[in-house]
């Protein structure tokens, strides 16, 4: 059973099912721009910082695979503990 489960989990993890967004975090992006007016004409620059939302995504197959392996590990621990009881 173990080999079939691991084969199935790795197949699911490798499949291109899609991804899910689990969080969105702010990210500061700094860019260099020409200065305004005569200073820009003379070649001076300035920096501008903007804050953008960066999503954190996970592949669906990876989430399913991790859940399956955690469930299998929990099952093995349960069997071990039940075997140690009386």
N, C-alpha and C. Protein backbone atom coordinates (compact mmCIF):
# COMPACT_ATOMS: atom_id res chain seq x y z
N UNK A 1 0.82 -1.19 0.00
CA UNK A 1 0.00 0.00 0.00
C UNK A 1 0.86 1.26 0.00
N UNK A 2 1.98 1.21 0.72
CA UNK A 2 2.82 2.39 0.84
C UNK A 2 3.33 2.84 -0.52
N UNK A 3 3.79 1.92 -1.35
CA UNK A 3 4.33 2.28 -2.65
C UNK A 3 3.27 2.90 -3.55
N UNK A 4 2.05 2.36 -3.52
CA UNK A 4 0.99 2.93 -4.34
C UNK A 4 0.62 4.33 -3.88
N UNK A 5 0.62 4.55 -2.57
CA UNK A 5 0.27 5.87 -2.05
C UNK A 5 1.33 6.90 -2.44
N UNK A 6 2.59 6.55 -2.29
CA UNK A 6 3.66 7.49 -2.64
C UNK A 6 3.66 7.76 -4.13
N UNK A 7 3.42 6.74 -4.94
CA UNK A 7 3.35 6.94 -6.39
C UNK A 7 2.19 7.86 -6.75
N UNK A 8 1.05 7.65 -6.14
CA UNK A 8 -0.11 8.50 -6.40
C UNK A 8 0.12 9.93 -5.97
N UNK A 9 0.75 10.12 -4.81
CA UNK A 9 1.00 11.46 -4.30
C UNK A 9 1.99 12.20 -5.20
N UNK A 10 3.04 11.53 -5.63
CA UNK A 10 4.01 12.19 -6.50
C UNK A 10 3.41 12.50 -7.86
N UNK A 11 2.49 11.66 -8.32
CA UNK A 11 1.80 11.94 -9.58
C UNK A 11 0.93 13.18 -9.45
N UNK A 12 0.21 13.29 -8.34
CA UNK A 12 -0.64 14.46 -8.11
C UNK A 12 0.21 15.71 -7.96
N UNK A 13 1.33 15.61 -7.23
CA UNK A 13 2.19 16.77 -7.01
C UNK A 13 2.80 17.26 -8.32
N UNK A 14 3.07 16.35 -9.24
CA UNK A 14 3.65 16.74 -10.51
C UNK A 14 2.63 17.21 -11.53
N UNK A 15 1.37 16.97 -11.28
CA UNK A 15 0.33 17.36 -12.23
C UNK A 15 0.15 18.88 -12.23
N UNK A 16 -0.21 19.39 -13.36
CA UNK A 16 -0.43 20.84 -13.48
C UNK A 16 -1.92 21.12 -13.30
N UNK A 17 -2.37 21.09 -12.06
CA UNK A 17 -3.78 21.30 -11.75
C UNK A 17 -4.09 22.78 -11.65
N UNK A 18 -3.15 23.58 -11.22
CA UNK A 18 -3.35 25.00 -11.04
C UNK A 18 -2.73 25.44 -9.74
N UNK A 19 -3.07 26.63 -9.29
CA UNK A 19 -2.51 27.13 -8.05
C UNK A 19 -3.58 27.92 -7.29
N UNK A 20 -3.34 28.05 -6.00
CA UNK A 20 -4.25 28.82 -5.16
C UNK A 20 -3.44 29.91 -4.46
N UNK A 21 -4.05 31.06 -4.25
CA UNK A 21 -3.41 32.15 -3.54
C UNK A 21 -3.72 32.00 -2.06
N UNK A 22 -2.68 31.89 -1.25
CA UNK A 22 -2.88 31.69 0.18
C UNK A 22 -2.70 32.98 0.97
N UNK A 23 -2.02 33.99 0.41
CA UNK A 23 -1.82 35.25 1.11
C UNK A 23 -1.42 36.32 0.10
N UNK A 24 -1.58 37.55 0.49
CA UNK A 24 -1.10 38.68 -0.29
C UNK A 24 -0.31 39.57 0.66
N UNK A 25 0.94 39.84 0.30
CA UNK A 25 1.81 40.64 1.17
C UNK A 25 2.23 41.91 0.45
N UNK A 26 2.43 42.99 1.20
CA UNK A 26 2.91 44.23 0.56
C UNK A 26 4.39 44.10 0.21
N UNK A 27 4.76 44.66 -0.92
CA UNK A 27 6.14 44.61 -1.38
C UNK A 27 6.53 46.00 -1.87
N UNK A 28 7.62 46.55 -1.34
CA UNK A 28 8.09 47.88 -1.73
C UNK A 28 8.99 47.74 -2.95
N UNK A 29 8.68 48.48 -4.01
CA UNK A 29 9.46 48.46 -5.24
C UNK A 29 10.05 49.86 -5.44
N UNK A 30 11.37 49.94 -5.55
CA UNK A 30 12.05 51.21 -5.75
C UNK A 30 12.58 51.28 -7.17
N UNK A 31 12.27 52.38 -7.87
CA UNK A 31 12.75 52.58 -9.23
C UNK A 31 13.47 53.92 -9.34
N UNK A 32 14.40 53.98 -10.28
CA UNK A 32 15.13 55.23 -10.53
C UNK A 32 14.51 55.91 -11.74
N UNK A 33 14.18 57.19 -11.56
CA UNK A 33 13.51 57.96 -12.61
C UNK A 33 14.30 59.24 -12.89
N UNK A 34 14.14 59.82 -14.08
CA UNK A 34 14.76 61.13 -14.32
C UNK A 34 14.12 62.18 -13.41
N UNK A 35 14.93 63.09 -12.93
CA UNK A 35 14.41 64.17 -12.09
C UNK A 35 13.52 65.08 -12.92
N UNK A 36 12.69 65.85 -12.24
CA UNK A 36 11.77 66.75 -12.93
C UNK A 36 12.49 68.05 -13.34
N UNK A 37 12.01 68.64 -14.40
CA UNK A 37 12.48 69.97 -14.83
C UNK A 37 13.89 69.98 -15.39
N UNK A 38 14.60 71.06 -15.10
CA UNK A 38 15.95 71.26 -15.64
C UNK A 38 16.92 70.21 -15.10
N UNK A 39 16.73 69.78 -13.84
CA UNK A 39 17.61 68.77 -13.26
C UNK A 39 17.56 67.47 -14.08
N UNK A 40 16.38 67.07 -14.52
CA UNK A 40 16.26 65.89 -15.37
C UNK A 40 16.91 66.09 -16.71
N UNK A 41 16.80 67.29 -17.24
CA UNK A 41 17.42 67.61 -18.53
C UNK A 41 18.94 67.54 -18.43
N UNK A 42 19.48 67.87 -17.23
CA UNK A 42 20.92 67.81 -17.01
C UNK A 42 21.40 66.39 -16.66
N UNK A 43 20.47 65.44 -16.52
CA UNK A 43 20.84 64.05 -16.27
C UNK A 43 20.71 63.59 -14.84
N UNK A 44 20.20 64.42 -13.97
CA UNK A 44 20.01 64.01 -12.58
C UNK A 44 18.83 63.05 -12.49
N UNK A 45 18.88 62.18 -11.48
CA UNK A 45 17.81 61.19 -11.30
C UNK A 45 17.26 61.29 -9.88
N UNK A 46 16.15 60.66 -9.69
CA UNK A 46 15.51 60.56 -8.37
C UNK A 46 14.97 59.14 -8.23
N UNK A 47 14.64 58.76 -7.04
CA UNK A 47 14.07 57.43 -6.82
C UNK A 47 12.62 57.56 -6.38
N UNK A 48 11.83 56.61 -6.78
CA UNK A 48 10.42 56.56 -6.38
C UNK A 48 10.14 55.17 -5.82
N UNK A 49 9.50 55.14 -4.68
CA UNK A 49 9.15 53.87 -4.05
C UNK A 49 7.64 53.70 -4.07
N UNK A 50 7.20 52.57 -4.57
CA UNK A 50 5.77 52.25 -4.57
C UNK A 50 5.56 50.93 -3.84
N UNK A 51 4.41 50.80 -3.25
CA UNK A 51 4.06 49.56 -2.56
C UNK A 51 3.03 48.83 -3.41
N UNK A 52 3.34 47.57 -3.74
CA UNK A 52 2.43 46.76 -4.54
C UNK A 52 2.06 45.52 -3.75
N UNK A 53 0.96 44.89 -4.11
CA UNK A 53 0.51 43.66 -3.47
C UNK A 53 1.10 42.47 -4.22
N UNK A 54 1.85 41.64 -3.51
CA UNK A 54 2.46 40.45 -4.10
C UNK A 54 1.73 39.21 -3.58
N UNK A 55 1.10 38.44 -4.46
CA UNK A 55 0.40 37.23 -3.99
C UNK A 55 1.38 36.09 -3.73
N UNK A 56 1.08 35.30 -2.73
CA UNK A 56 1.82 34.07 -2.46
C UNK A 56 0.93 32.92 -2.91
N UNK A 57 1.39 32.18 -3.90
CA UNK A 57 0.58 31.09 -4.45
C UNK A 57 1.26 29.75 -4.22
N UNK A 58 0.45 28.73 -4.10
CA UNK A 58 0.93 27.36 -3.96
C UNK A 58 0.24 26.49 -5.01
N UNK A 59 0.97 25.52 -5.56
CA UNK A 59 0.32 24.62 -6.51
C UNK A 59 -0.69 23.71 -5.78
N UNK A 60 -1.84 23.52 -6.40
CA UNK A 60 -2.88 22.70 -5.79
C UNK A 60 -2.39 21.27 -5.58
N UNK A 61 -1.67 20.74 -6.55
CA UNK A 61 -1.15 19.38 -6.43
C UNK A 61 -0.23 19.23 -5.24
N UNK A 62 0.59 20.24 -4.97
CA UNK A 62 1.49 20.18 -3.82
C UNK A 62 0.73 20.19 -2.50
N UNK A 63 -0.34 20.99 -2.43
CA UNK A 63 -1.16 21.04 -1.22
C UNK A 63 -1.82 19.68 -0.98
N UNK A 64 -2.35 19.09 -2.04
CA UNK A 64 -2.98 17.76 -1.91
C UNK A 64 -1.96 16.71 -1.51
N UNK A 65 -0.78 16.76 -2.12
CA UNK A 65 0.27 15.78 -1.81
C UNK A 65 0.72 15.91 -0.36
N UNK A 66 0.91 17.14 0.13
CA UNK A 66 1.33 17.33 1.51
C UNK A 66 0.26 16.83 2.48
N UNK A 67 -1.00 17.10 2.17
CA UNK A 67 -2.08 16.61 3.01
C UNK A 67 -2.15 15.09 3.04
N UNK A 68 -1.95 14.47 1.88
CA UNK A 68 -1.98 13.01 1.81
C UNK A 68 -0.84 12.40 2.61
N UNK A 69 0.36 12.97 2.50
CA UNK A 69 1.49 12.43 3.25
C UNK A 69 1.33 12.65 4.75
N UNK A 70 0.78 13.79 5.15
CA UNK A 70 0.53 14.01 6.58
C UNK A 70 -0.52 13.05 7.11
N UNK A 71 -1.55 12.78 6.31
CA UNK A 71 -2.59 11.83 6.72
C UNK A 71 -2.01 10.43 6.84
N UNK A 72 -1.18 10.04 5.88
CA UNK A 72 -0.55 8.71 5.92
C UNK A 72 0.36 8.59 7.15
N UNK A 73 1.12 9.66 7.44
CA UNK A 73 1.98 9.65 8.62
C UNK A 73 1.17 9.53 9.90
N UNK A 74 0.05 10.26 9.97
CA UNK A 74 -0.83 10.16 11.14
C UNK A 74 -1.40 8.77 11.31
N UNK A 75 -1.76 8.14 10.19
CA UNK A 75 -2.27 6.76 10.22
C UNK A 75 -1.21 5.81 10.76
N UNK A 76 0.04 5.97 10.30
CA UNK A 76 1.12 5.09 10.76
C UNK A 76 1.38 5.29 12.26
N UNK A 77 1.32 6.54 12.73
CA UNK A 77 1.52 6.81 14.16
C UNK A 77 0.39 6.19 14.96
N UNK A 78 -0.84 6.31 14.46
CA UNK A 78 -2.00 5.72 15.14
C UNK A 78 -1.83 4.20 15.26
N UNK A 79 -1.43 3.55 14.18
CA UNK A 79 -1.22 2.10 14.22
C UNK A 79 -0.12 1.72 15.20
N UNK A 80 0.94 2.51 15.24
CA UNK A 80 2.05 2.23 16.14
C UNK A 80 1.60 2.36 17.60
N UNK A 81 0.88 3.45 17.90
CA UNK A 81 0.43 3.66 19.27
C UNK A 81 -0.58 2.59 19.68
N UNK A 82 -1.49 2.21 18.77
CA UNK A 82 -2.46 1.16 19.09
C UNK A 82 -1.76 -0.17 19.33
N UNK A 83 -0.67 -0.42 18.62
CA UNK A 83 0.08 -1.66 18.81
C UNK A 83 0.82 -1.70 20.14
N UNK A 84 1.17 -0.55 20.68
CA UNK A 84 1.87 -0.48 21.96
C UNK A 84 0.92 -0.62 23.14
N UNK A 85 -0.37 -0.33 22.94
CA UNK A 85 -1.33 -0.46 24.03
C UNK A 85 -1.63 -1.93 24.27
N UNK A 86 -1.87 -2.23 25.51
CA UNK A 86 -2.23 -3.52 26.01
C UNK A 86 -2.44 -4.56 25.06
